[in-house]
Amino acid sequence: MTDDHDDHARAYGVAFGPLKRALREHRYPVSAAELIEQYGGFELETAAGGERLEAALEGTETTRFGEPWEVRDAILDGLADGAVRGRVDRGDEGGDAGDDSAAVDTAGDWSRLESEE
C-alpha cells in the first residue's frame, strides 16, 4: 500500500513521482541549497519534457522552506515556460500572495508526513 499513487504525485502537469514522498518526509525547515544537494539530480517529467530539480530550484528567490508545498511551489515557479499546466501565477491581479490554501489543496496532499523519531 502506498500513499502517493502516480496521479497524486503529479501537480499541474509535472510528475514528481517518488520525489513528492521524499519532500513530504524531509525534515523542515530546509534550505534550497540542501534540497539541491540531496535531490538536485532528480528528473521531473513536465509538459515540456524532462527537467532536473536542480535547474528548477537554482533560480528561486526563496532560500528557506518550512513546508513541502512551499518547495513544490518554488519548483513549479522555477520550471521553464510551457512546463506547467493549469496554474495561475500568484503575481497576477486578483491573486492574494498570502493565501496559499487553494494552492495546497489543488494538486493533492503536500503536507508533511509524520515521521517516527
PDB file of N, CA and C in Angstrom:
ATOM      1  N   MET A   1       0.838  -1.178   0.000  1.00  0.00           N
ATOM      2  CA  MET A   1       0.000   0.000   0.000  1.00  0.00           C
ATOM      3  C   MET A   1       0.883   1.242   0.000  1.00  0.00           C
ATOM      4  N   THR A   2       0.577   2.195  -0.904  1.00  0.00           N
ATOM      5  CA  THR A   2       1.335   3.432  -0.966  1.00  0.00           C
ATOM      6  C   THR A   2       0.413   4.616  -0.791  1.00  0.00           C
ATOM      7  N   ASP A   3       0.947   5.687  -0.240  1.00  0.00           N
ATOM      8  CA  ASP A   3       0.169   6.903  -0.022  1.00  0.00           C
ATOM      9  C   ASP A   3       0.125   7.785  -1.258  1.00  0.00           C
ATOM     10  N   ASP A   4       1.156   7.709  -2.077  1.00  0.00           N
ATOM     11  CA  ASP A   4       1.278   8.608  -3.217  1.00  0.00           C
ATOM     12  C   ASP A   4       1.179   7.831  -4.513  1.00  0.00           C
ATOM     13  N   HIS A   5      -0.036   7.617  -5.002  1.00  0.00           N
ATOM     14  CA  HIS A   5      -0.228   6.984  -6.290  1.00  0.00           C
ATOM     15  C   HIS A   5       0.270   7.935  -7.356  1.00  0.00           C
ATOM     16  N   ASP A   6       0.518   7.417  -8.578  1.00  0.00           N
ATOM     17  CA  ASP A   6       1.084   8.231  -9.643  1.00  0.00           C
ATOM     18  C   ASP A   6       0.295   9.503  -9.896  1.00  0.00           C
ATOM     19  N   ASP A   7      -1.045   9.434  -9.898  1.00  0.00           N
ATOM     20  CA  ASP A   7      -1.840  10.622 -10.182  1.00  0.00           C
ATOM     21  C   ASP A   7      -1.733  11.665  -9.076  1.00  0.00           C
ATOM     22  N   HIS A   8      -1.456  11.245  -7.854  1.00  0.00           N
ATOM     23  CA  HIS A   8      -1.308  12.192  -6.751  1.00  0.00           C
ATOM     24  C   HIS A   8       0.111  12.760  -6.687  1.00  0.00           C
ATOM     25  N   ALA A   9       1.061  12.143  -7.383  1.00  0.00           N
ATOM     26  CA  ALA A   9       2.431  12.632  -7.397  1.00  0.00           C
ATOM     27  C   ALA A   9       2.641  13.561  -8.583  1.00  0.00           C
ATOM     28  N   ARG A  10       1.557  13.965  -9.222  1.00  0.00           N
ATOM     29  CA  ARG A  10       1.603  14.896 -10.355  1.00  0.00           C
ATOM     30  C   ARG A  10       0.892  16.176  -9.930  1.00  0.00           C
ATOM     31  N   ALA A  11       1.519  17.303 -10.183  1.00  0.00           N
ATOM     32  CA  ALA A  11       0.922  18.598  -9.858  1.00  0.00           C
ATOM     33  C   ALA A  11       1.060  19.510 -11.059  1.00  0.00           C
ATOM     34  N   TYR A  12      -0.069  19.988 -11.571  1.00  0.00           N
ATOM     35  CA  TYR A  12      -0.083  20.928 -12.679  1.00  0.00           C
ATOM     36  C   TYR A  12       0.687  20.403 -13.894  1.00  0.00           C
ATOM     37  N   GLY A  13       0.526  19.127 -14.174  1.00  0.00           N
ATOM     38  CA  GLY A  13       1.166  18.515 -15.329  1.00  0.00           C
ATOM     39  C   GLY A  13       2.614  18.125 -15.106  1.00  0.00           C
ATOM     40  N   VAL A  14       3.125  18.290 -13.900  1.00  0.00           N
ATOM     41  CA  VAL A  14       4.507  17.940 -13.577  1.00  0.00           C
ATOM     42  C   VAL A  14       4.487  16.667 -12.731  1.00  0.00           C
ATOM     43  N   ALA A  15       5.172  15.625 -13.202  1.00  0.00           N
ATOM     44  CA  ALA A  15       5.237  14.368 -12.462  1.00  0.00           C
ATOM     45  C   ALA A  15       6.401  14.415 -11.473  1.00  0.00           C
ATOM     46  N   PHE A  16       6.067  14.402 -10.193  1.00  0.00           N
ATOM     47  CA  PHE A  16       7.074  14.408  -9.140  1.00  0.00           C
ATOM     48  C   PHE A  16       7.467  12.993  -8.739  1.00  0.00           C
ATOM     49  N   GLY A  17       6.560  12.033  -8.947  1.00  0.00           N
ATOM     50  CA  GLY A  17       6.848  10.640  -8.614  1.00  0.00           C
ATOM     51  C   GLY A  17       7.300  10.476  -7.174  1.00  0.00           C
ATOM     52  N   PRO A  18       8.354   9.682  -6.947  1.00  0.00           N
ATOM     53  CA  PRO A  18       8.822   9.425  -5.582  1.00  0.00           C
ATOM     54  C   PRO A  18       9.407  10.656  -4.890  1.00  0.00           C
ATOM     55  N   LEU A  19       9.729  11.695  -5.654  1.00  0.00           N
ATOM     56  CA  LEU A  19      10.246  12.916  -5.034  1.00  0.00           C
ATOM     57  C   LEU A  19       9.210  13.552  -4.117  1.00  0.00           C
ATOM     58  N   LYS A  20       7.930  13.434  -4.475  1.00  0.00           N
ATOM     59  CA  LYS A  20       6.885  14.014  -3.637  1.00  0.00           C
ATOM     60  C   LYS A  20       6.942  13.419  -2.231  1.00  0.00           C
ATOM     61  N   ARG A  21       7.007  12.116  -2.147  1.00  0.00           N
ATOM     62  CA  ARG A  21       7.074  11.469  -0.829  1.00  0.00           C
ATOM     63  C   ARG A  21       8.343  11.883  -0.089  1.00  0.00           C
ATOM     64  N   ALA A  22       9.461  11.936  -0.806  1.00  0.00           N
ATOM     65  CA  ALA A  22      10.724  12.327  -0.176  1.00  0.00           C
ATOM     66  C   ALA A  22      10.636  13.740   0.394  1.00  0.00           C
ATOM     67  N   LEU A  23      10.014  14.653  -0.359  1.00  0.00           N
ATOM     68  CA  LEU A  23       9.865  16.027   0.132  1.00  0.00           C
ATOM     69  C   LEU A  23       8.918  16.099   1.323  1.00  0.00           C
ATOM     70  N   ARG A  24       7.882  15.270   1.314  1.00  0.00           N
ATOM     71  CA  ARG A  24       6.931  15.260   2.433  1.00  0.00           C
ATOM     72  C   ARG A  24       7.568  14.671   3.693  1.00  0.00           C
ATOM     73  N   GLU A  25       8.509  13.744   3.520  1.00  0.00           N
ATOM     74  CA  GLU A  25       9.170  13.112   4.667  1.00  0.00           C
ATOM     75  C   GLU A  25      10.389  13.897   5.148  1.00  0.00           C
ATOM     76  N   HIS A  26      10.875  14.804   4.329  1.00  0.00           N
ATOM     77  CA  HIS A  26      12.086  15.556   4.658  1.00  0.00           C
ATOM     78  C   HIS A  26      11.883  16.375   5.931  1.00  0.00           C
ATOM     79  N   ARG A  27      12.939  16.625   6.637  1.00  0.00           N
ATOM     80  CA  ARG A  27      12.885  17.429   7.868  1.00  0.00           C
ATOM     81  C   ARG A  27      12.946  18.917   7.518  1.00  0.00           C
ATOM     82  N   TYR A  28      12.000  19.675   8.043  1.00  0.00           N
ATOM     83  CA  TYR A  28      11.889  21.114   7.773  1.00  0.00           C
ATOM     84  C   TYR A  28      12.138  21.894   9.043  1.00  0.00           C
ATOM     85  N   PRO A  29      12.618  23.135   8.950  1.00  0.00           N
ATOM     86  CA  PRO A  29      12.894  23.906   7.742  1.00  0.00           C
ATOM     87  C   PRO A  29      14.141  23.378   7.027  1.00  0.00           C
ATOM     88  N   VAL A  30      14.215  23.700   5.719  1.00  0.00           N
ATOM     89  CA  VAL A  30      15.325  23.252   4.881  1.00  0.00           C
ATOM     90  C   VAL A  30      15.657  24.354   3.887  1.00  0.00           C
ATOM     91  N   SER A  31      16.913  24.458   3.522  1.00  0.00           N
ATOM     92  CA  SER A  31      17.323  25.481   2.555  1.00  0.00           C
ATOM     93  C   SER A  31      17.239  24.928   1.138  1.00  0.00           C
ATOM     94  N   ALA A  32      17.134  25.834   0.179  1.00  0.00           N
ATOM     95  CA  ALA A  32      17.135  25.444  -1.230  1.00  0.00           C
ATOM     96  C   ALA A  32      18.441  24.723  -1.563  1.00  0.00           C
ATOM     97  N   ALA A  33      19.551  25.202  -1.004  1.00  0.00           N
ATOM     98  CA  ALA A  33      20.852  24.577  -1.269  1.00  0.00           C
ATOM     99  C   ALA A  33      20.886  23.129  -0.782  1.00  0.00           C
ATOM    100  N   GLU A  34      20.304  22.862   0.392  1.00  0.00           N
ATOM    101  CA  GLU A  34      20.261  21.498   0.916  1.00  0.00           C
ATOM    102  C   GLU A  34      19.430  20.588   0.013  1.00  0.00           C
ATOM    103  N   LEU A  35      18.304  21.104  -0.459  1.00  0.00           N
ATOM    104  CA  LEU A  35      17.453  20.309  -1.347  1.00  0.00           C
ATOM    105  C   LEU A  35      18.157  20.021  -2.670  1.00  0.00           C
ATOM    106  N   ILE A  36      18.855  21.010  -3.201  1.00  0.00           N
ATOM    107  CA  ILE A  36      19.599  20.819  -4.449  1.00  0.00           C
ATOM    108  C   ILE A  36      20.687  19.763  -4.246  1.00  0.00           C
ATOM    109  N   GLU A  37      21.381  19.840  -3.110  1.00  0.00           N
ATOM    110  CA  GLU A  37      22.442  18.868  -2.821  1.00  0.00           C
ATOM    111  C   GLU A  37      21.882  17.446  -2.731  1.00  0.00           C
ATOM    112  N   GLN A  38      20.754  17.290  -2.068  1.00  0.00           N
ATOM    113  CA  GLN A  38      20.203  15.960  -1.842  1.00  0.00           C
ATOM    114  C   GLN A  38      19.393  15.426  -3.022  1.00  0.00           C
ATOM    115  N   TYR A  39      18.595  16.276  -3.669  1.00  0.00           N
ATOM    116  CA  TYR A  39      17.665  15.809  -4.704  1.00  0.00           C
ATOM    117  C   TYR A  39      17.890  16.458  -6.075  1.00  0.00           C
ATOM    118  N   GLY A  40      18.924  17.260  -6.214  1.00  0.00           N
ATOM    119  CA  GLY A  40      19.137  18.049  -7.418  1.00  0.00           C
ATOM    120  C   GLY A  40      19.155  17.273  -8.725  1.00  0.00           C
ATOM    121  N   GLY A  41      19.612  16.048  -8.708  1.00  0.00           N
ATOM    122  CA  GLY A  41      19.685  15.247  -9.922  1.00  0.00           C
ATOM    123  C   GLY A  41      18.378  14.594 -10.318  1.00  0.00           C
ATOM    124  N   PHE A  42      17.360  14.750  -9.496  1.00  0.00           N
ATOM    125  CA  PHE A  42      16.069  14.127  -9.780  1.00  0.00           C
ATOM    126  C   PHE A  42      15.454  14.761 -11.020  1.00  0.00           C
ATOM    127  N   GLU A  43      14.993  13.920 -11.943  1.00  0.00           N
ATOM    128  CA  GLU A  43      14.397  14.386 -13.195  1.00  0.00           C
ATOM    129  C   GLU A  43      12.883  14.481 -13.048  1.00  0.00           C
ATOM    130  N   LEU A  44      12.350  15.670 -13.302  1.00  0.00           N
ATOM    131  CA  LEU A  44      10.907  15.900 -13.281  1.00  0.00           C
ATOM    132  C   LEU A  44      10.365  15.762 -14.695  1.00  0.00           C
ATOM    133  N   GLU A  45       9.250  15.072 -14.848  1.00  0.00           N
ATOM    134  CA  GLU A  45       8.596  14.959 -16.145  1.00  0.00           C
ATOM    135  C   GLU A  45       7.570  16.086 -16.235  1.00  0.00           C
ATOM    136  N   THR A  46       7.762  16.978 -17.200  1.00  0.00           N
ATOM    137  CA  THR A  46       6.873  18.135 -17.342  1.00  0.00           C
ATOM    138  C   THR A  46       6.172  18.103 -18.691  1.00  0.00           C
ATOM    139  N   ALA A  47       5.258  19.029 -18.871  1.00  0.00           N
ATOM    140  CA  ALA A  47       4.537  19.140 -20.138  1.00  0.00           C
ATOM    141  C   ALA A  47       5.482  19.503 -21.283  1.00  0.00           C
ATOM    142  N   ALA A  48       6.634  20.087 -20.967  1.00  0.00           N
ATOM    143  CA  ALA A  48       7.601  20.493 -21.980  1.00  0.00           C
ATOM    144  C   ALA A  48       8.784  19.536 -22.074  1.00  0.00           C
ATOM    145  N   GLY A  49       8.714  18.393 -21.383  1.00  0.00           N
ATOM    146  CA  GLY A  49       9.823  17.442 -21.381  1.00  0.00           C
ATOM    147  C   GLY A  49      10.421  17.294 -19.995  1.00  0.00           C
ATOM    148  N   GLY A  50      11.592  16.710 -19.909  1.00  0.00           N
ATOM    149  CA  GLY A  50      12.247  16.486 -18.627  1.00  0.00           C
ATOM    150  C   GLY A  50      13.054  17.688 -18.180  1.00  0.00           C
ATOM    151  N   GLU A  51      13.091  17.902 -16.886  1.00  0.00           N
ATOM    152  CA  GLU A  51      13.898  18.983 -16.324  1.00  0.00           C
ATOM    153  C   GLU A  51      14.375  18.552 -14.938  1.00  0.00           C
ATOM    154  N   ARG A  52      15.631  18.855 -14.650  1.00  0.00           N
ATOM    155  CA  ARG A  52      16.203  18.476 -13.356  1.00  0.00           C
ATOM    156  C   ARG A  52      15.723  19.408 -12.245  1.00  0.00           C
ATOM    157  N   LEU A  53      15.559  18.836 -11.066  1.00  0.00           N
ATOM    158  CA  LEU A  53      15.142  19.617  -9.901  1.00  0.00           C
ATOM    159  C   LEU A  53      16.130  20.751  -9.636  1.00  0.00           C
ATOM    160  N   GLU A  54      17.399  20.473  -9.799  1.00  0.00           N
ATOM    161  CA  GLU A  54      18.431  21.482  -9.572  1.00  0.00           C
ATOM    162  C   GLU A  54      18.176  22.740 -10.402  1.00  0.00           C
ATOM    163  N   ALA A  55      17.854  22.564 -11.675  1.00  0.00           N
ATOM    164  CA  ALA A  55      17.605  23.708 -12.556  1.00  0.00           C
ATOM    165  C   ALA A  55      16.381  24.496 -12.101  1.00  0.00           C
ATOM    166  N   ALA A  56      15.361  23.801 -11.633  1.00  0.00           N
ATOM    167  CA  ALA A  56      14.132  24.467 -11.192  1.00  0.00           C
ATOM    168  C   ALA A  56      14.353  25.273  -9.914  1.00  0.00           C
ATOM    169  N   LEU A  57      15.179  24.766  -9.010  1.00  0.00           N
ATOM    170  CA  LEU A  57      15.373  25.443  -7.723  1.00  0.00           C
ATOM    171  C   LEU A  57      16.496  26.481  -7.727  1.00  0.00           C
ATOM    172  N   GLU A  58      17.409  26.399  -8.680  1.00  0.00           N
ATOM    173  CA  GLU A  58      18.553  27.319  -8.676  1.00  0.00           C
ATOM    174  C   GLU A  58      18.146  28.782  -8.756  1.00  0.00           C
ATOM    175  N   GLY A  59      17.107  29.085  -9.506  1.00  0.00           N
ATOM    176  CA  GLY A  59      16.717  30.482  -9.673  1.00  0.00           C
ATOM    177  C   GLY A  59      15.669  30.970  -8.696  1.00  0.00           C
ATOM    178  N   THR A  60      15.323  30.143  -7.715  1.00  0.00           N
ATOM    179  CA  THR A  60      14.272  30.542  -6.789  1.00  0.00           C
ATOM    180  C   THR A  60      14.724  31.683  -5.875  1.00  0.00           C
ATOM    181  N   GLU A  61      13.787  32.575  -5.598  1.00  0.00           N
ATOM    182  CA  GLU A  61      14.067  33.667  -4.678  1.00  0.00           C
ATOM    183  C   GLU A  61      13.980  33.201  -3.230  1.00  0.00           C
ATOM    184  N   THR A  62      13.258  32.118  -3.009  1.00  0.00           N
ATOM    185  CA  THR A  62      13.107  31.577  -1.663  1.00  0.00           C
ATOM    186  C   THR A  62      14.348  30.772  -1.310  1.00  0.00           C
ATOM    187  N   THR A  63      14.930  31.059  -0.161  1.00  0.00           N
ATOM    188  CA  THR A  63      16.135  30.339   0.235  1.00  0.00           C
ATOM    189  C   THR A  63      15.880  29.333   1.346  1.00  0.00           C
ATOM    190  N   ARG A  64      14.716  29.437   1.998  1.00  0.00           N
ATOM    191  CA  ARG A  64      14.385  28.538   3.107  1.00  0.00           C
ATOM    192  C   ARG A  64      12.920  28.148   3.017  1.00  0.00           C
ATOM    193  N   PHE A  65      12.642  26.871   3.242  1.00  0.00           N
ATOM    194  CA  PHE A  65      11.291  26.343   3.152  1.00  0.00           C
ATOM    195  C   PHE A  65      10.880  25.726   4.475  1.00  0.00           C
ATOM    196  N   GLY A  66       9.620  25.982   4.869  1.00  0.00           N
ATOM    197  CA  GLY A  66       9.105  25.437   6.116  1.00  0.00           C
ATOM    198  C   GLY A  66       8.144  24.284   5.913  1.00  0.00           C
ATOM    199  N   GLU A  67       7.650  24.109   4.681  1.00  0.00           N
ATOM    200  CA  GLU A  67       6.659  23.074   4.376  1.00  0.00           C
ATOM    201  C   GLU A  67       6.904  22.510   2.981  1.00  0.00           C
ATOM    202  N   PRO A  68       6.519  21.252   2.741  1.00  0.00           N
ATOM    203  CA  PRO A  68       6.705  20.639   1.415  1.00  0.00           C
ATOM    204  C   PRO A  68       6.007  21.393   0.290  1.00  0.00           C
ATOM    205  N   TRP A  69       4.819  21.929   0.539  1.00  0.00           N
ATOM    206  CA  TRP A  69       4.111  22.637  -0.524  1.00  0.00           C
ATOM    207  C   TRP A  69       4.839  23.904  -0.949  1.00  0.00           C
ATOM    208  N   GLU A  70       5.632  24.490  -0.047  1.00  0.00           N
ATOM    209  CA  GLU A  70       6.429  25.652  -0.413  1.00  0.00           C
ATOM    210  C   GLU A  70       7.518  25.254  -1.416  1.00  0.00           C
ATOM    211  N   VAL A  71       8.092  24.073  -1.212  1.00  0.00           N
ATOM    212  CA  VAL A  71       9.095  23.556  -2.149  1.00  0.00           C
ATOM    213  C   VAL A  71       8.430  23.279  -3.494  1.00  0.00           C
ATOM    214  N   ARG A  72       7.263  22.629  -3.461  1.00  0.00           N
ATOM    215  CA  ARG A  72       6.526  22.342  -4.694  1.00  0.00           C
ATOM    216  C   ARG A  72       6.268  23.626  -5.474  1.00  0.00           C
ATOM    217  N   ASP A  73       5.804  24.676  -4.795  1.00  0.00           N
ATOM    218  CA  ASP A  73       5.516  25.935  -5.466  1.00  0.00           C
ATOM    219  C   ASP A  73       6.777  26.557  -6.060  1.00  0.00           C
ATOM    220  N   ALA A  74       7.891  26.493  -5.345  1.00  0.00           N
ATOM    221  CA  ALA A  74       9.155  27.033  -5.851  1.00  0.00           C
ATOM    222  C   ALA A  74       9.618  26.261  -7.088  1.00  0.00           C
ATOM    223  N   ILE A  75       9.443  24.946  -7.061  1.00  0.00           N
ATOM    224  CA  ILE A  75       9.811  24.121  -8.219  1.00  0.00           C
ATOM    225  C   ILE A  75       8.956  24.509  -9.415  1.00  0.00           C
ATOM    226  N   LEU A  76       7.646  24.597  -9.203  1.00  0.00           N
ATOM    227  CA  LEU A  76       6.741  24.962 -10.298  1.00  0.00           C
ATOM    228  C   LEU A  76       7.065  26.341 -10.854  1.00  0.00           C
ATOM    229  N   ASP A  77       7.404  27.284  -9.977  1.00  0.00           N
ATOM    230  CA  ASP A  77       7.767  28.636 -10.415  1.00  0.00           C
ATOM    231  C   ASP A  77       9.076  28.640 -11.200  1.00  0.00           C
ATOM    232  N   GLY A  78       9.987  27.711 -10.858  1.00  0.00           N
ATOM    233  CA  GLY A  78      11.304  27.684 -11.484  1.00  0.00           C
ATOM    234  C   GLY A  78      11.388  26.899 -12.777  1.00  0.00           C
ATOM    235  N   LEU A  79      10.341  26.171 -13.112  1.00  0.00           N
ATOM    236  CA  LEU A  79      10.361  25.389 -14.346  1.00  0.00           C
ATOM    237  C   LEU A  79      10.223  26.288 -15.567  1.00  0.00           C
ATOM    238  N   ALA A  80      10.722  25.805 -16.685  1.00  0.00           N
ATOM    239  CA  ALA A  80      10.687  26.557 -17.941  1.00  0.00           C
ATOM    240  C   ALA A  80       9.251  26.849 -18.374  1.00  0.00           C
ATOM    241  N   ASP A  81       9.097  27.891 -19.167  1.00  0.00           N
ATOM    242  CA  ASP A  81       7.791  28.235 -19.729  1.00  0.00           C
ATOM    243  C   ASP A  81       7.232  27.041 -20.485  1.00  0.00           C
ATOM    244  N   GLY A  82       5.968  26.787 -20.320  1.00  0.00           N
ATOM    245  CA  GLY A  82       5.313  25.680 -21.009  1.00  0.00           C
ATOM    246  C   GLY A  82       5.419  24.351 -20.284  1.00  0.00           C
ATOM    247  N   ALA A  83       6.165  24.305 -19.186  1.00  0.00           N
ATOM    248  CA  ALA A  83       6.351  23.058 -18.453  1.00  0.00           C
ATOM    249  C   ALA A  83       5.207  22.773 -17.482  1.00  0.00           C
ATOM    250  N   VAL A  84       4.517  23.825 -17.043  1.00  0.00           N
ATOM    251  CA  VAL A  84       3.472  23.715 -16.029  1.00  0.00           C
ATOM    252  C   VAL A  84       2.129  24.025 -16.677  1.00  0.00           C
ATOM    253  N   ARG A  85       1.108  23.228 -16.341  1.00  0.00           N
ATOM    254  CA  ARG A  85      -0.222  23.435 -16.919  1.00  0.00           C
ATOM    255  C   ARG A  85      -1.248  23.763 -15.843  1.00  0.00           C
ATOM    256  N   GLY A  86      -2.137  24.713 -16.150  1.00  0.00           N
ATOM    257  CA  GLY A  86      -3.285  24.984 -15.300  1.00  0.00           C
ATOM    258  C   GLY A  86      -2.998  25.699 -14.011  1.00  0.00           C
ATOM    259  N   ARG A  87      -1.852  26.297 -13.868  1.00  0.00           N
ATOM    260  CA  ARG A  87      -1.516  27.010 -12.638  1.00  0.00           C
ATOM    261  C   ARG A  87      -1.526  28.497 -12.908  1.00  0.00           C
ATOM    262  N   VAL A  88      -2.254  29.240 -12.099  1.00  0.00           N
ATOM    263  CA  VAL A  88      -2.326  30.689 -12.247  1.00  0.00           C
ATOM    264  C   VAL A  88      -1.181  31.309 -11.464  1.00  0.00           C
ATOM    265  N   ASP A  89      -0.487  32.219 -12.105  1.00  0.00           N
ATOM    266  CA  ASP A  89       0.622  32.921 -11.461  1.00  0.00           C
ATOM    267  C   ASP A  89       0.085  33.763 -10.325  1.00  0.00           C
ATOM    268  N   ARG A  90       0.643  33.611  -9.161  1.00  0.00           N
ATOM    269  CA  ARG A  90       0.169  34.361  -7.998  1.00  0.00           C
ATOM    270  C   ARG A  90       0.407  35.845  -8.127  1.00  0.00           C
ATOM    271  N   GLY A  91       1.281  36.248  -9.035  1.00  0.00           N
ATOM    272  CA  GLY A  91       1.558  37.659  -9.219  1.00  0.00           C
ATOM    273  C   GLY A  91       0.484  38.365 -10.031  1.00  0.00           C
ATOM    274  N   ASP A  92      -0.435  37.603 -10.633  1.00  0.00           N
ATOM    275  CA  ASP A  92      -1.497  38.197 -11.440  1.00  0.00           C
ATOM    276  C   ASP A  92      -2.451  38.983 -10.560  1.00  0.00           C
ATOM    277  N   GLU A  93      -3.151  39.937 -11.193  1.00  0.00           N
ATOM    278  CA  GLU A  93      -4.166  40.706 -10.475  1.00  0.00           C
ATOM    279  C   GLU A  93      -5.223  39.770  -9.921  1.00  0.00           C
ATOM    280  N   GLY A  94      -5.722  40.100  -8.769  1.00  0.00           N
ATOM    281  CA  GLY A  94      -6.767  39.294  -8.167  1.00  0.00           C
ATOM    282  C   GLY A  94      -6.228  38.174  -7.312  1.00  0.00           C
ATOM    283  N   GLY A  95      -4.948  37.836  -7.449  1.00  0.00           N
ATOM    284  CA  GLY A  95      -4.360  36.779  -6.628  1.00  0.00           C
ATOM    285  C   GLY A  95      -3.888  37.353  -5.322  1.00  0.00           C
ATOM    286  N   ASP A  96      -4.027  36.607  -4.270  1.00  0.00           N
ATOM    287  CA  ASP A  96      -3.571  37.042  -2.963  1.00  0.00           C
ATOM    288  C   ASP A  96      -2.340  36.225  -2.614  1.00  0.00           C
ATOM    289  N   ALA A  97      -1.171  36.839  -2.669  1.00  0.00           N
ATOM    290  CA  ALA A  97       0.078  36.121  -2.423  1.00  0.00           C
ATOM    291  C   ALA A  97       0.125  35.523  -1.025  1.00  0.00           C
ATOM    292  N   GLY A  98      -0.672  36.023  -0.102  1.00  0.00           N
ATOM    293  CA  GLY A  98      -0.666  35.484   1.245  1.00  0.00           C
ATOM    294  C   GLY A  98      -1.622  34.328   1.437  1.00  0.00           C
ATOM    295  N   ASP A  99      -2.465  34.030   0.457  1.00  0.00           N
ATOM    296  CA  ASP A  99      -3.442  32.958   0.588  1.00  0.00           C
ATOM    297  C   ASP A  99      -2.972  31.732  -0.157  1.00  0.00           C
ATOM    298  N   ASP A 100      -2.320  30.815   0.562  1.00  0.00           N
ATOM    299  CA  ASP A 100      -1.758  29.619  -0.062  1.00  0.00           C
ATOM    300  C   ASP A 100      -2.660  28.405   0.067  1.00  0.00           C
ATOM    301  N   SER A 101      -3.797  28.522   0.721  1.00  0.00           N
ATOM    302  CA  SER A 101      -4.637  27.361   0.983  1.00  0.00           C
ATOM    303  C   SER A 101      -5.137  26.702  -0.290  1.00  0.00           C
ATOM    304  N   ALA A 102      -5.530  27.465  -1.290  1.00  0.00           N
ATOM    305  CA  ALA A 102      -6.035  26.879  -2.535  1.00  0.00           C
ATOM    306  C   ALA A 102      -4.925  26.142  -3.259  1.00  0.00           C
ATOM    307  N   ALA A 103      -3.723  26.684  -3.257  1.00  0.00           N
ATOM    308  CA  ALA A 103      -2.611  26.050  -3.951  1.00  0.00           C
ATOM    309  C   ALA A 103      -2.244  24.718  -3.296  1.00  0.00           C
ATOM    310  N   VAL A 104      -2.372  24.643  -1.990  1.00  0.00           N
ATOM    311  CA  VAL A 104      -2.027  23.416  -1.282  1.00  0.00           C
ATOM    312  C   VAL A 104      -2.975  22.287  -1.670  1.00  0.00           C
ATOM    313  N   ASP A 105      -4.262  22.577  -1.774  1.00  0.00           N
ATOM    314  CA  ASP A 105      -5.256  21.544  -1.983  1.00  0.00           C
ATOM    315  C   ASP A 105      -5.494  21.159  -3.439  1.00  0.00           C
ATOM    316  N   THR A 106      -5.089  21.980  -4.402  1.00  0.00           N
ATOM    317  CA  THR A 106      -5.439  21.714  -5.784  1.00  0.00           C
ATOM    318  C   THR A 106      -4.662  20.582  -6.423  1.00  0.00           C
ATOM    319  N   ALA A 107      -3.546  20.197  -5.897  1.00  0.00           N
ATOM    320  CA  ALA A 107      -2.722  19.179  -6.540  1.00  0.00           C
ATOM    321  C   ALA A 107      -2.353  18.054  -5.585  1.00  0.00           C
ATOM    322  N   GLY A 108      -3.300  17.609  -4.778  1.00  0.00           N
ATOM    323  CA  GLY A 108      -3.020  16.516  -3.861  1.00  0.00           C
ATOM    324  C   GLY A 108      -2.460  17.009  -2.544  1.00  0.00           C
ATOM    325  N   ASP A 109      -2.207  16.085  -1.663  1.00  0.00           N
ATOM    326  CA  ASP A 109      -1.731  16.413  -0.328  1.00  0.00           C
ATOM    327  C   ASP A 109      -0.223  16.629  -0.330  1.00  0.00           C
ATOM    328  N   TRP A 110       0.185  17.837  -0.057  1.00  0.00           N
ATOM    329  CA  TRP A 110       1.598  18.180   0.026  1.00  0.00           C
ATOM    330  C   TRP A 110       1.984  18.575   1.451  1.00  0.00           C
ATOM    331  N   SER A 111       1.259  18.045   2.437  1.00  0.00           N
ATOM    332  CA  SER A 111       1.612  18.314   3.822  1.00  0.00           C
ATOM    333  C   SER A 111       2.737  17.370   4.240  1.00  0.00           C
ATOM    334  N   ARG A 112       3.341  17.688   5.362  1.00  0.00           N
ATOM    335  CA  ARG A 112       4.413  16.830   5.868  1.00  0.00           C
ATOM    336  C   ARG A 112       3.854  15.491   6.305  1.00  0.00           C
ATOM    337  N   LEU A 113       4.637  14.439   6.059  1.00  0.00           N
ATOM    338  CA  LEU A 113       4.295  13.123   6.586  1.00  0.00           C
ATOM    339  C   LEU A 113       4.870  13.027   7.987  1.00  0.00           C
ATOM    340  N   GLU A 114       4.130  12.410   8.865  1.00  0.00           N
ATOM    341  CA  GLU A 114       4.626  12.211  10.227  1.00  0.00           C
ATOM    342  C   GLU A 114       5.758  11.191  10.189  1.00  0.00           C
ATOM    343  N   SER A 115       6.866  11.529  10.825  1.00  0.00           N
ATOM    344  CA  SER A 115       7.978  10.588  10.866  1.00  0.00           C
ATOM    345  C   SER A 115       8.227  10.181  12.313  1.00  0.00           C
ATOM    346  N   GLU A 116       8.655   8.960  12.461  1.00  0.00           N
ATOM    347  CA  GLU A 116       8.976   8.468  13.808  1.00  0.00           C
ATOM    348  C   GLU A 116      10.341   8.943  14.183  1.00  0.00           C
ATOM    349  N   GLU A 117      10.492   9.419  15.398  1.00  0.00           N
ATOM    350  CA  GLU A 117      11.798   9.908  15.848  1.00  0.00           C
ATOM    351  C   GLU A 117      12.393   8.957  16.845  1.00  0.00           C
TER     352      GLU A 117
END
